[in-house]
Amino acid sequence: MKNRICSVGLILGLCFWLGVSGLAQTKSSNPPNILYILADDMGLGDVSCMNSNSAWKTPHLDQLARAGRVFTDAHSASGVCTPSRYALLTGRYSWRGALKSSVLHGYDKSLIEKGRLTVPALLRSQGYATAMVGKWHLGLDWVRAGSKLEAVDYTKPFQGGPVAHGFDSFFGISASLDMPPYVYLENDRARGSASERVGDSPKPKMWRAGAIAQDFKHQDVQPLLFQKSREFLTARAGSKDKKPFFLYLALASPHTPIIPTKEFEGKTKTTPYGDFVAQLDQELGTLLADLDRLGFAKDTLVIFTADNGFAPAANLEELRALKHEPSLIYRGHKADLFEGGHRVPFIARWPGIIPASTHCKETIGHLDLLATCAEILGVQLPPSAGEDSVSILSLLKGGISLSPERAGLVHHSNNGSFAFRQGQWKLFTVPDSGGWSSPKPGQAEAATLPRFQLYDLASDPSEKRNLQAAHPEIVQQMGRLLSQIIERGRTTPGSPQATDRTVPWTQTGWMKEFAK
């Protein structure tokens, strides 16, 4: 197995403005608009064109697939929300920074480092109008009104949010729709004060108790996010500057609370989750119709995907009774290292560039967006940016393989465990799921299992046969390469970069076993 990783060493990251101004440029003369839509907790099997046994239909997603390309081996960078979103916007694995496991909450501090190049910052430096609508979930530096974490002065602007990291405008919420504070945010301010409190709500309409603003109603959030996105498109159509745009629509659905509007309650005759997915699909169809009506469709790269796999909070047993498998043939679900945790729907449409009604089996990741945008624009990223991002432009255009190839794709779970994908092989550095499905970390069952897991996804995509005993040489080769990827700070060619070691990292003890 060839080691395609750069030589060992560490260098300090370049500051943001130096990075942007130092981009080597052969700027594209006609750059596309980019509409990137990120669903929240949605499996491959929830899109009906990808699931012949789907309990409901998603006609607008199906039409998007017919007009574009479906990537069947696409992955979020983690089995949970926050680290996936960090990687999507930065082209760098979140575990290289401060967040080694789990997710942030609505009151937590900003995660993206000051000076780190992001997708919107890159695009804005190349003349794009950039906007975000939806769920941020990457922390905010609130102004505190007391010593408690939730003591926030909502009258003061916050730092570290979307407009501090490359977006011209932002409308949305701080974290998941089940996490307080329940208050709308515009640019760098709260739209009101979350001065009241709401109690816990049971599943499926689940949210945590916490502060809520008077104008905030959970059921209104998804329709409002689509409305704000449509308003942005309308504003761009009437703008005199004629800039291309980047709109990042980060939905809060079908994540809990599972709250379809009255119009969609019972619409699919399945479950509230099915109704919520159907609502998402319908509203997506309206947004895409606006894109066409305003004359943008032919010049816009549209990507639809999800931040991680299906969440069991949507009642997996109830769905299976309907013969609906949200993860299709893949094992596991949200939070896991198993494929169901991070293999996600990924559909791309770009008329005249992406061949219609095609499928791609190449392994890709959300973190590839930054390098892809750079290639589209003809700019070269600085050494300290997009350390794990590989351009998929050739695949978007109909190619069947990446060039240059990636050293490998790293998977990460809710508890901070690692798995490593290279070609047909996938190595787990733990004996368990790393997440919420069995065998769970710490369970007695996991203690009886082999130290590592190795699966051949070509012959065993459902990850049922652990081949670690039959192929110890592959375990060693992949383990050493993963160790090097972690130590060297990047998976792409270029200068080695630093990894944050200031936080205790309990999930890397396995590396000692591959240092022999």
Protein backbone atom coordinates (compact mmCIF):
# COMPACT_ATOMS: atom_id res chain seq x y z
CA MET A 1 0.00 0.00 0.00
CA LYS A 2 1.55 3.25 -1.07
CA ASN A 3 1.97 6.09 1.38
CA ARG A 4 0.93 9.25 -0.41
CA ILE A 5 1.26 11.52 2.62
CA CYS A 6 3.75 14.38 2.75
CA SER A 7 6.85 14.26 4.98
CA VAL A 8 6.63 14.87 8.73
CA GLY A 9 6.78 18.39 10.11
CA LEU A 10 4.68 21.19 11.55
CA ILE A 11 4.18 24.78 10.49
CA LEU A 12 2.01 27.53 11.85
CA GLY A 13 -1.17 28.36 9.92
CA LEU A 14 -1.16 31.53 7.88
CA CYS A 15 -3.52 34.27 8.99
CA PHE A 16 -6.82 34.58 7.13
CA TRP A 17 -6.20 37.78 5.24
CA LEU A 18 -2.73 36.71 4.16
CA GLY A 19 -4.21 33.41 3.04
CA VAL A 20 -6.91 35.03 0.95
CA SER A 21 -4.73 37.73 -0.55
CA GLY A 22 -2.01 35.18 -1.28
CA LEU A 23 -4.19 32.91 -3.40
CA ALA A 24 -2.56 32.10 -6.72
CA GLN A 25 -5.16 33.09 -9.28
CA THR A 26 -6.23 32.15 -12.79
CA LYS A 27 -9.76 33.33 -12.10
CA SER A 28 -12.67 31.74 -13.93
CA SER A 29 -14.37 34.14 -16.34
CA ASN A 30 -17.85 32.78 -15.68
CA PRO A 31 -18.06 31.29 -12.18
CA PRO A 32 -21.30 29.54 -11.23
CA ASN A 33 -23.67 30.42 -8.45
CA ILE A 34 -23.56 27.79 -5.71
CA LEU A 35 -26.58 26.66 -3.70
CA TYR A 36 -25.55 24.20 -1.00
CA ILE A 37 -28.43 22.61 0.93
CA LEU A 38 -27.62 20.61 4.04
CA ALA A 39 -30.36 18.52 5.64
CA ASP A 40 -30.04 17.65 9.33
CA ASP A 41 -30.00 13.95 10.29
CA MET A 42 -31.18 12.28 7.07
CA GLY A 43 -30.33 8.85 5.69
CA LEU A 44 -29.75 7.72 2.13
CA GLY A 45 -32.89 5.64 2.31
CA ASP A 46 -35.02 8.70 3.05
CA VAL A 47 -34.66 9.83 -0.58
CA SER A 48 -37.08 7.76 -2.62
CA CYS A 49 -34.99 7.58 -5.79
CA MET A 50 -32.28 5.87 -3.72
CA ASN A 51 -34.63 3.47 -1.95
CA SER A 52 -36.98 1.23 -3.90
CA ASN A 53 -38.73 0.33 -0.64
CA SER A 54 -39.15 3.88 0.61
CA ALA A 55 -42.34 4.38 2.61
CA TRP A 56 -42.80 7.84 1.09
CA LYS A 57 -41.91 9.75 -2.05
CA THR A 58 -39.53 12.69 -2.46
CA PRO A 59 -40.44 13.81 -5.99
CA HIS A 60 -38.41 17.03 -5.99
CA LEU A 61 -35.22 15.35 -4.78
CA ASP A 62 -35.87 12.60 -7.32
CA GLN A 63 -36.16 15.22 -10.07
CA LEU A 64 -32.94 16.87 -8.88
CA ALA A 65 -31.26 13.48 -9.20
CA ARG A 66 -32.61 12.96 -12.73
CA ALA A 67 -31.23 16.35 -13.74
CA GLY A 68 -27.88 15.74 -12.10
CA ARG A 69 -25.56 13.21 -10.51
CA VAL A 70 -26.05 11.01 -7.45
CA PHE A 71 -22.95 10.18 -5.42
CA THR A 72 -23.53 6.85 -3.71
CA ASP A 73 -20.34 6.82 -1.60
CA ALA A 74 -20.48 10.33 -0.11
CA HIS A 75 -19.62 10.99 3.54
CA SER A 76 -19.95 13.57 6.23
CA ALA A 77 -16.76 14.02 8.26
CA SER A 78 -18.43 12.76 11.42
CA GLY A 79 -21.47 10.88 12.64
CA VAL A 80 -22.74 14.03 14.39
CA CYS A 81 -23.56 17.63 13.53
CA THR A 82 -20.90 20.10 14.68
CA PRO A 83 -17.74 18.38 13.43
CA SER A 84 -19.41 17.68 10.07
CA ARG A 85 -20.24 21.37 9.61
CA TYR A 86 -16.75 22.47 10.59
CA ALA A 87 -15.22 20.18 7.97
CA LEU A 88 -17.71 21.23 5.30
CA LEU A 89 -16.82 24.92 5.67
CA THR A 90 -13.06 24.59 6.28
CA GLY A 91 -11.96 21.50 4.36
CA ARG A 92 -10.29 20.29 7.58
CA TYR A 93 -11.29 17.59 10.03
CA SER A 94 -12.71 19.02 13.24
CA TRP A 95 -10.60 16.71 15.41
CA ARG A 96 -7.51 18.54 14.18
CA GLY A 97 -8.85 21.51 16.14
CA ALA A 98 -10.34 21.84 19.60
CA LEU A 99 -13.39 19.57 19.19
CA LYS A 100 -12.33 15.96 19.70
CA SER A 101 -15.77 14.44 20.28
CA SER A 102 -19.50 15.14 20.54
CA VAL A 103 -21.10 18.47 19.50
CA LEU A 104 -21.43 22.04 20.65
CA HIS A 105 -24.58 23.52 22.16
CA GLY A 106 -26.32 26.85 21.70
CA TYR A 107 -24.28 28.75 24.30
CA ASP A 108 -20.84 27.30 23.47
CA LYS A 109 -17.94 29.37 22.16
CA SER A 110 -17.00 29.70 18.50
CA LEU A 111 -15.17 26.66 17.11
CA ILE A 112 -13.74 27.89 13.79
CA GLU A 113 -10.34 29.42 14.49
CA LYS A 114 -9.73 33.07 13.76
CA GLY A 115 -7.86 33.38 10.50
CA ARG A 116 -8.93 30.01 9.10
CA LEU A 117 -9.96 30.14 5.45
CA THR A 118 -13.54 28.99 4.86
CA VAL A 119 -15.59 28.30 1.74
CA PRO A 120 -17.56 31.58 1.97
CA ALA A 121 -14.38 33.57 2.68
CA LEU A 122 -12.70 32.08 -0.38
CA LEU A 123 -15.71 32.78 -2.57
CA ARG A 124 -16.18 36.31 -1.25
CA SER A 125 -12.54 37.07 -2.02
CA GLN A 126 -13.31 36.06 -5.62
CA GLY A 127 -16.28 38.41 -5.99
CA TYR A 128 -19.16 36.30 -4.66
CA ALA A 129 -22.09 37.50 -2.60
CA THR A 130 -22.24 35.03 0.28
CA ALA A 131 -25.19 34.23 2.53
CA MET A 132 -26.08 31.63 5.11
CA VAL A 133 -29.56 30.68 6.22
CA GLY A 134 -30.22 28.13 8.92
CA LYS A 135 -28.52 26.15 11.65
CA TRP A 136 -25.00 27.36 12.49
CA HIS A 137 -24.04 24.91 15.27
CA LEU A 138 -20.40 25.99 15.33
CA GLY A 139 -20.49 28.11 18.46
CA LEU A 140 -20.87 31.83 19.09
CA ASP A 141 -18.96 34.22 21.33
CA TRP A 142 -21.93 35.70 23.17
CA VAL A 143 -21.61 38.73 25.42
CA ARG A 144 -22.32 37.40 28.91
CA ALA A 145 -24.68 39.06 31.36
CA GLY A 146 -23.56 36.89 34.26
CA SER A 147 -21.38 33.98 35.29
CA LYS A 148 -23.71 31.23 34.06
CA LEU A 149 -23.29 29.85 30.55
CA GLU A 150 -26.87 30.72 29.58
CA ALA A 151 -26.60 34.28 30.95
CA VAL A 152 -26.49 36.13 27.61
CA ASP A 153 -26.92 39.81 26.85
CA TYR A 154 -29.08 39.52 23.74
CA THR A 155 -28.85 43.25 23.06
CA LYS A 156 -25.13 43.00 22.23
CA PRO A 157 -23.63 41.63 19.01
CA PHE A 158 -21.92 38.25 19.21
CA GLN A 159 -18.60 37.32 17.63
CA GLY A 160 -17.39 34.17 15.92
CA GLY A 161 -20.55 33.53 13.89
CA PRO A 162 -21.17 33.24 10.15
CA VAL A 163 -20.44 36.90 9.31
CA ALA A 164 -17.08 36.57 11.11
CA HIS A 165 -16.15 33.65 8.84
CA GLY A 166 -16.91 34.86 5.33
CA PHE A 167 -20.66 35.27 5.02
CA ASP A 168 -22.03 38.69 4.05
CA SER A 169 -25.33 37.90 5.77
CA PHE A 170 -26.86 35.33 8.08
CA PHE A 171 -30.32 34.43 9.30
CA GLY A 172 -30.87 31.40 11.47
CA ILE A 173 -30.40 29.72 14.82
CA SER A 174 -27.38 29.07 16.99
CA ALA A 175 -27.51 25.26 17.14
CA SER A 176 -29.95 22.38 16.66
CA LEU A 177 -33.66 23.11 16.88
CA ASP A 178 -33.81 21.10 20.11
CA MET A 179 -31.14 23.24 21.82
CA PRO A 180 -31.68 26.61 23.55
CA PRO A 181 -31.52 29.52 23.24
CA TYR A 182 -34.57 29.53 20.99
CA VAL A 183 -34.08 32.89 19.34
CA TYR A 184 -33.62 33.99 15.72
CA LEU A 185 -30.25 35.45 14.76
CA GLU A 186 -29.59 38.05 12.04
CA ASN A 187 -26.01 38.71 11.00
CA ASP A 188 -24.25 39.19 14.37
CA ARG A 189 -27.23 39.88 16.64
CA ALA A 190 -30.21 38.15 18.18
CA ARG A 191 -33.50 39.35 16.72
CA GLY A 192 -34.98 39.58 20.19
CA SER A 193 -34.40 38.58 23.77
CA ALA A 194 -34.92 35.02 24.92
CA SER A 195 -36.43 36.13 28.19
CA GLU A 196 -39.01 33.38 28.71
CA ARG A 197 -38.51 29.66 29.23
CA VAL A 198 -39.99 26.60 27.60
CA GLY A 199 -40.00 23.16 29.20
CA ASP A 200 -38.77 19.84 27.85
CA SER A 201 -40.89 18.28 25.11
CA PRO A 202 -41.13 14.49 24.65
CA LYS A 203 -40.34 12.67 21.40
CA PRO A 204 -40.91 13.08 18.54
CA LYS A 205 -41.55 16.76 19.26
CA MET A 206 -38.42 16.77 21.36
CA TRP A 207 -36.57 19.82 22.55
CA ARG A 208 -34.58 20.68 25.65
CA ALA A 209 -35.87 23.13 28.23
CA GLY A 210 -34.46 26.61 27.94
CA ALA A 211 -34.78 30.27 27.05
CA ILE A 212 -37.14 31.20 24.20
CA ALA A 213 -38.03 34.46 22.45
CA GLN A 214 -41.64 35.56 22.12
CA ASP A 215 -41.61 35.30 18.32
CA PHE A 216 -39.99 31.82 18.24
CA LYS A 217 -42.18 28.82 17.47
CA HIS A 218 -40.37 25.59 16.68
CA GLN A 219 -42.85 24.52 14.01
CA ASP A 220 -42.32 27.75 12.07
CA VAL A 221 -38.55 27.40 11.73
CA GLN A 222 -38.26 25.16 8.67
CA PRO A 223 -40.76 27.15 6.55
CA LEU A 224 -39.07 30.39 7.60
CA LEU A 225 -35.61 29.15 6.59
CA PHE A 226 -36.88 28.34 3.11
CA GLN A 227 -38.68 31.70 2.94
CA LYS A 228 -35.48 33.58 3.84
CA SER A 229 -33.57 31.62 1.21
CA ARG A 230 -36.13 32.52 -1.44
CA GLU A 231 -35.94 36.17 -0.37
CA PHE A 232 -32.16 36.06 -0.85
CA LEU A 233 -32.57 34.71 -4.38
CA THR A 234 -35.09 37.42 -5.20
CA ALA A 235 -32.75 40.09 -3.86
CA ARG A 236 -29.88 38.74 -5.95
CA ALA A 237 -32.06 38.76 -9.08
CA GLY A 238 -32.75 42.46 -8.52
CA SER A 239 -29.19 43.38 -7.58
CA LYS A 240 -27.24 45.66 -9.89
CA ASP A 241 -23.81 44.25 -8.97
CA LYS A 242 -24.52 40.94 -10.81
CA LYS A 243 -22.18 39.06 -8.51
CA PRO A 244 -22.37 35.28 -8.48
CA PHE A 245 -23.71 34.03 -5.17
CA PHE A 246 -23.06 31.32 -2.63
CA LEU A 247 -26.09 30.41 -0.53
CA TYR A 248 -25.55 27.88 2.24
CA LEU A 249 -28.94 26.65 3.45
CA ALA A 250 -28.36 24.60 6.59
CA LEU A 251 -31.71 23.13 7.48
CA ALA A 252 -32.79 22.20 11.00
CA SER A 253 -34.83 19.26 9.72
CA PRO A 254 -35.65 16.39 9.76
CA HIS A 255 -33.71 16.51 13.07
CA THR A 256 -35.75 16.58 16.27
CA PRO A 257 -38.11 18.14 17.11
CA ILE A 258 -40.01 16.26 14.42
CA ILE A 259 -42.74 18.81 13.80
CA PRO A 260 -44.27 18.91 10.33
CA THR A 261 -46.69 21.76 9.81
CA LYS A 262 -50.46 21.16 9.86
CA GLU A 263 -50.48 20.86 6.09
CA PHE A 264 -48.12 17.88 6.24
CA GLU A 265 -49.32 16.11 9.38
CA GLY A 266 -50.40 12.65 8.24
CA LYS A 267 -49.67 13.48 4.59
CA THR A 268 -47.55 10.39 3.88
CA LYS A 269 -49.70 8.07 6.03
CA THR A 270 -46.47 6.77 7.54
CA THR A 271 -44.91 8.49 10.58
CA PRO A 272 -44.31 12.10 11.68
CA TYR A 273 -40.74 11.67 10.44
CA GLY A 274 -41.96 10.66 7.00
CA ASP A 275 -44.27 13.68 6.95
CA PHE A 276 -41.35 15.94 7.94
CA VAL A 277 -39.18 14.59 5.12
CA ALA A 278 -42.06 15.11 2.68
CA GLN A 279 -42.38 18.71 3.87
CA LEU A 280 -38.67 19.27 3.34
CA ASP A 281 -38.94 17.87 -0.18
CA GLN A 282 -41.94 20.07 -1.05
CA GLU A 283 -40.30 23.23 0.23
CA LEU A 284 -37.08 22.33 -1.58
CA GLY A 285 -39.12 22.03 -4.77
CA THR A 286 -40.49 25.54 -4.28
CA LEU A 287 -36.98 26.90 -3.73
CA LEU A 288 -35.68 25.22 -6.88
CA ALA A 289 -38.67 26.54 -8.83
CA ASP A 290 -37.73 30.05 -7.71
CA LEU A 291 -34.16 29.43 -8.83
CA ASP A 292 -35.49 28.59 -12.28
CA ARG A 293 -38.10 31.38 -12.37
CA LEU A 294 -35.46 33.99 -11.53
CA GLY A 295 -33.17 32.79 -14.32
CA PHE A 296 -30.46 31.31 -12.08
CA ALA A 297 -30.89 27.57 -12.61
CA LYS A 298 -28.74 27.16 -15.71
CA ASP A 299 -25.77 28.89 -14.07
CA THR A 300 -26.03 27.35 -10.61
CA LEU A 301 -24.32 24.39 -9.01
CA VAL A 302 -26.90 22.90 -6.64
CA ILE A 303 -25.82 20.37 -4.03
CA PHE A 304 -28.17 18.57 -1.66
CA THR A 305 -26.75 16.44 1.13
CA ALA A 306 -27.05 15.79 4.89
CA ASP A 307 -24.78 16.46 7.84
CA ASN A 308 -24.81 12.83 9.02
CA GLY A 309 -26.98 9.74 8.89
CA PHE A 310 -30.48 9.05 10.13
CA ALA A 311 -31.11 9.61 13.84
CA PRO A 312 -32.76 6.82 15.85
CA ALA A 313 -34.84 9.44 17.66
CA ALA A 314 -37.13 9.29 14.61
CA ASN A 315 -38.22 5.80 15.76
CA LEU A 316 -36.35 3.21 13.72
CA GLU A 317 -38.62 0.34 14.84
CA GLU A 318 -41.70 2.17 13.57
CA LEU A 319 -40.07 2.78 10.21
CA ARG A 320 -38.89 -0.80 9.86
CA ALA A 321 -42.45 -1.96 10.45
CA LEU A 322 -43.19 -0.07 7.23
CA LYS A 323 -40.20 -1.80 5.57
CA HIS A 324 -38.43 1.56 5.39
CA GLU A 325 -34.67 1.42 6.04
CA PRO A 326 -33.27 4.96 6.44
CA SER A 327 -29.68 3.67 6.14
CA LEU A 328 -30.52 1.27 3.28
CA ILE A 329 -28.22 -1.79 3.48
CA TYR A 330 -25.70 0.01 5.66
CA ARG A 331 -25.13 -0.76 9.32
CA GLY A 332 -25.72 1.80 12.04
CA HIS A 333 -27.05 5.33 12.15
CA LYS A 334 -26.21 8.81 13.41
CA ALA A 335 -23.21 9.00 15.80
CA ASP A 336 -21.64 5.73 14.56
CA LEU A 337 -18.47 4.75 12.74
CA PHE A 338 -20.55 2.25 10.80
CA GLU A 339 -21.57 3.45 7.33
CA GLY A 340 -25.05 4.45 8.45
CA GLY A 341 -23.52 7.13 10.65
CA HIS A 342 -21.81 9.11 7.92
CA ARG A 343 -22.68 7.80 4.45
CA VAL A 344 -25.19 10.41 3.31
CA PRO A 345 -27.31 11.39 0.30
CA PHE A 346 -25.40 13.64 -2.08
CA ILE A 347 -27.02 14.95 -5.26
CA ALA A 348 -25.41 17.58 -7.51
CA ARG A 349 -26.89 19.45 -10.47
CA TRP A 350 -25.12 21.93 -12.76
CA PRO A 351 -26.74 22.13 -16.22
CA GLY A 352 -24.30 21.67 -19.06
CA ILE A 353 -21.49 20.62 -16.72
CA ILE A 354 -22.83 17.70 -14.66
CA PRO A 355 -24.20 14.91 -16.86
CA ALA A 356 -27.86 14.26 -16.06
CA SER A 357 -29.20 10.98 -14.68
CA THR A 358 -25.78 9.65 -13.73
CA HIS A 359 -24.30 8.00 -10.66
CA CYS A 360 -20.80 8.13 -9.23
CA LYS A 361 -19.36 5.40 -6.97
CA GLU A 362 -16.16 7.26 -6.03
CA THR A 363 -15.62 8.01 -2.34
CA ILE A 364 -16.05 11.71 -1.56
CA GLY A 365 -16.57 13.87 1.51
CA HIS A 366 -18.21 17.11 2.51
CA LEU A 367 -14.77 18.52 3.24
CA ASP A 368 -14.07 18.46 -0.51
CA LEU A 369 -16.14 21.60 -1.10
CA LEU A 370 -13.30 24.06 -0.45
CA ALA A 371 -10.84 22.47 -2.90
CA THR A 372 -13.62 22.04 -5.46
CA CYS A 373 -14.51 25.73 -5.30
CA ALA A 374 -10.84 26.65 -5.60
CA GLU A 375 -10.50 24.57 -8.78
CA ILE A 376 -13.71 25.97 -10.25
CA LEU A 377 -12.34 29.47 -9.70
CA GLY A 378 -8.80 28.64 -10.78
CA VAL A 379 -7.17 29.62 -7.48
CA GLN A 380 -4.63 27.75 -5.39
CA LEU A 381 -5.25 27.33 -1.69
CA PRO A 382 -2.56 28.45 0.76
CA PRO A 383 -0.75 25.66 2.67
CA SER A 384 -2.74 26.29 5.85
CA ALA A 385 -6.17 25.88 4.24
CA GLY A 386 -8.20 22.86 3.18
CA GLU A 387 -5.70 20.37 4.56
CA ASP A 388 -8.11 17.47 3.99
CA SER A 389 -10.02 18.80 0.98
CA VAL A 390 -9.74 17.23 -2.49
CA SER A 391 -11.42 18.72 -5.54
CA ILE A 392 -14.23 16.61 -6.97
CA LEU A 393 -14.70 18.83 -10.03
CA SER A 394 -13.62 16.01 -12.37
CA LEU A 395 -16.29 13.77 -10.82
CA LEU A 396 -18.92 16.47 -11.14
CA LYS A 397 -18.07 16.66 -14.84
CA GLY A 398 -18.66 12.94 -15.25
CA GLY A 399 -15.32 11.41 -14.33
CA ILE A 400 -15.07 8.13 -12.48
CA SER A 401 -11.98 8.64 -10.32
CA LEU A 402 -10.24 11.36 -8.38
CA SER A 403 -6.93 12.70 -9.60
CA PRO A 404 -4.77 13.03 -7.62
CA GLU A 405 -6.12 10.32 -5.37
CA ARG A 406 -6.82 10.95 -1.72
CA ALA A 407 -4.60 9.18 0.83
CA GLY A 408 -7.77 8.02 2.57
CA LEU A 409 -10.96 9.24 4.20
CA VAL A 410 -11.12 9.46 8.00
CA HIS A 411 -14.40 8.73 9.76
CA HIS A 412 -15.13 10.01 13.25
CA SER A 413 -17.84 9.15 15.75
CA ASN A 414 -19.72 10.88 18.53
CA ASN A 415 -17.33 9.65 21.22
CA GLY A 416 -14.27 10.66 19.19
CA SER A 417 -13.30 7.23 17.83
CA PHE A 418 -11.70 6.77 14.42
CA ALA A 419 -12.23 4.61 11.37
CA PHE A 420 -10.21 4.85 8.16
CA ARG A 421 -11.40 4.20 4.62
CA GLN A 422 -9.04 3.41 1.76
CA GLY A 423 -10.51 1.91 -1.37
CA GLN A 424 -12.52 -1.19 -0.51
CA TRP A 425 -11.07 -1.43 3.00
CA LYS A 426 -12.29 0.17 6.20
CA LEU A 427 -10.43 -0.07 9.50
CA PHE A 428 -11.94 0.68 12.92
CA THR A 429 -9.54 1.58 15.72
CA VAL A 430 -12.13 0.41 18.28
CA PRO A 431 -14.09 -2.83 18.77
CA ASP A 432 -17.44 -1.02 18.97
CA SER A 433 -19.62 1.42 17.03
CA GLY A 434 -18.08 4.54 18.58
CA GLY A 435 -21.64 5.83 18.75
CA TRP A 436 -25.18 4.86 19.70
CA SER A 437 -25.75 1.49 18.04
CA SER A 438 -24.62 -1.90 19.33
CA PRO A 439 -21.99 -2.77 20.27
CA LYS A 440 -21.92 0.52 22.17
CA PRO A 441 -18.70 1.86 23.68
CA GLY A 442 -18.28 0.59 27.21
CA GLN A 443 -20.81 -2.22 26.89
CA ALA A 444 -19.88 -5.69 28.09
CA GLU A 445 -20.35 -6.98 24.54
CA ALA A 446 -17.65 -4.65 23.21
CA ALA A 447 -15.15 -5.94 25.79
CA THR A 448 -15.35 -9.44 24.28
CA LEU A 449 -14.69 -8.32 20.70
CA PRO A 450 -11.36 -8.07 18.80
CA ARG A 451 -9.37 -4.88 19.39
CA PHE A 452 -9.81 -3.71 15.77
CA GLN A 453 -12.37 -4.13 13.02
CA LEU A 454 -11.58 -4.50 9.32
CA TYR A 455 -14.25 -4.69 6.64
CA ASP A 456 -14.12 -5.24 2.89
CA LEU A 457 -16.88 -2.90 1.73
CA ALA A 458 -16.73 -4.28 -1.82
CA SER A 459 -17.96 -7.71 -0.69
CA ASP A 460 -19.50 -6.74 2.65
CA PRO A 461 -21.05 -3.25 2.48
CA SER A 462 -23.19 -4.03 5.54
CA GLU A 463 -20.07 -4.52 7.70
CA LYS A 464 -21.04 -7.93 9.05
CA ARG A 465 -17.71 -9.82 8.73
CA ASN A 466 -14.72 -8.55 10.68
CA LEU A 467 -11.62 -9.61 8.69
CA GLN A 468 -8.97 -8.25 11.07
CA ALA A 469 -7.68 -11.76 11.91
CA ALA A 470 -7.51 -12.80 8.24
CA HIS A 471 -5.63 -9.67 7.10
CA PRO A 472 -3.34 -8.46 9.90
CA GLU A 473 -1.00 -6.90 7.33
CA ILE A 474 -3.78 -4.61 6.07
CA VAL A 475 -4.66 -3.66 9.63
CA GLN A 476 -1.05 -2.68 10.25
CA GLN A 477 -0.62 -0.78 6.99
CA MET A 478 -3.83 1.19 7.37
CA GLY A 479 -3.23 1.82 11.07
CA ARG A 480 0.20 3.26 10.39
CA LEU A 481 -1.10 5.44 7.58
CA LEU A 482 -3.95 6.77 9.72
CA SER A 483 -1.46 7.55 12.49
CA GLN A 484 0.67 9.50 10.02
CA ILE A 485 -2.36 11.40 8.74
CA ILE A 486 -3.21 12.46 12.27
CA GLU A 487 0.37 13.44 13.12
CA ARG A 488 1.09 15.33 9.90
CA GLY A 489 -1.97 17.54 10.02
CA ARG A 490 -3.25 16.87 6.50
CA THR A 491 -4.29 14.19 4.01
CA THR A 492 -3.42 16.25 0.93
CA PRO A 493 0.01 17.03 -0.56
CA GLY A 494 1.72 20.07 0.89
CA SER A 495 3.42 21.38 3.99
CA PRO A 496 2.58 19.51 7.21
CA GLN A 497 0.27 21.45 9.52
CA ALA A 498 -0.34 21.65 13.24
CA THR A 499 -2.96 19.71 15.20
CA ASP A 500 -4.40 21.12 18.41
CA ARG A 501 -3.12 19.04 21.35
CA THR A 502 -4.30 21.35 24.11
CA VAL A 503 -7.37 19.20 24.80
CA PRO A 504 -6.93 15.68 26.24
CA TRP A 505 -7.37 13.22 23.41
CA THR A 506 -8.35 9.85 24.86
CA GLN A 507 -9.24 8.19 21.55
CA THR A 508 -5.72 8.03 20.08
CA GLY A 509 -4.16 5.48 22.45
CA TRP A 510 -4.39 2.91 19.67
CA MET A 511 -1.65 4.77 17.77
CA LYS A 512 0.98 3.20 20.03
CA GLU A 513 0.12 -0.21 18.61
CA PHE A 514 1.09 0.94 15.12
CA ALA A 515 4.32 2.66 16.16
CA LYS A 516 6.17 -0.64 16.68
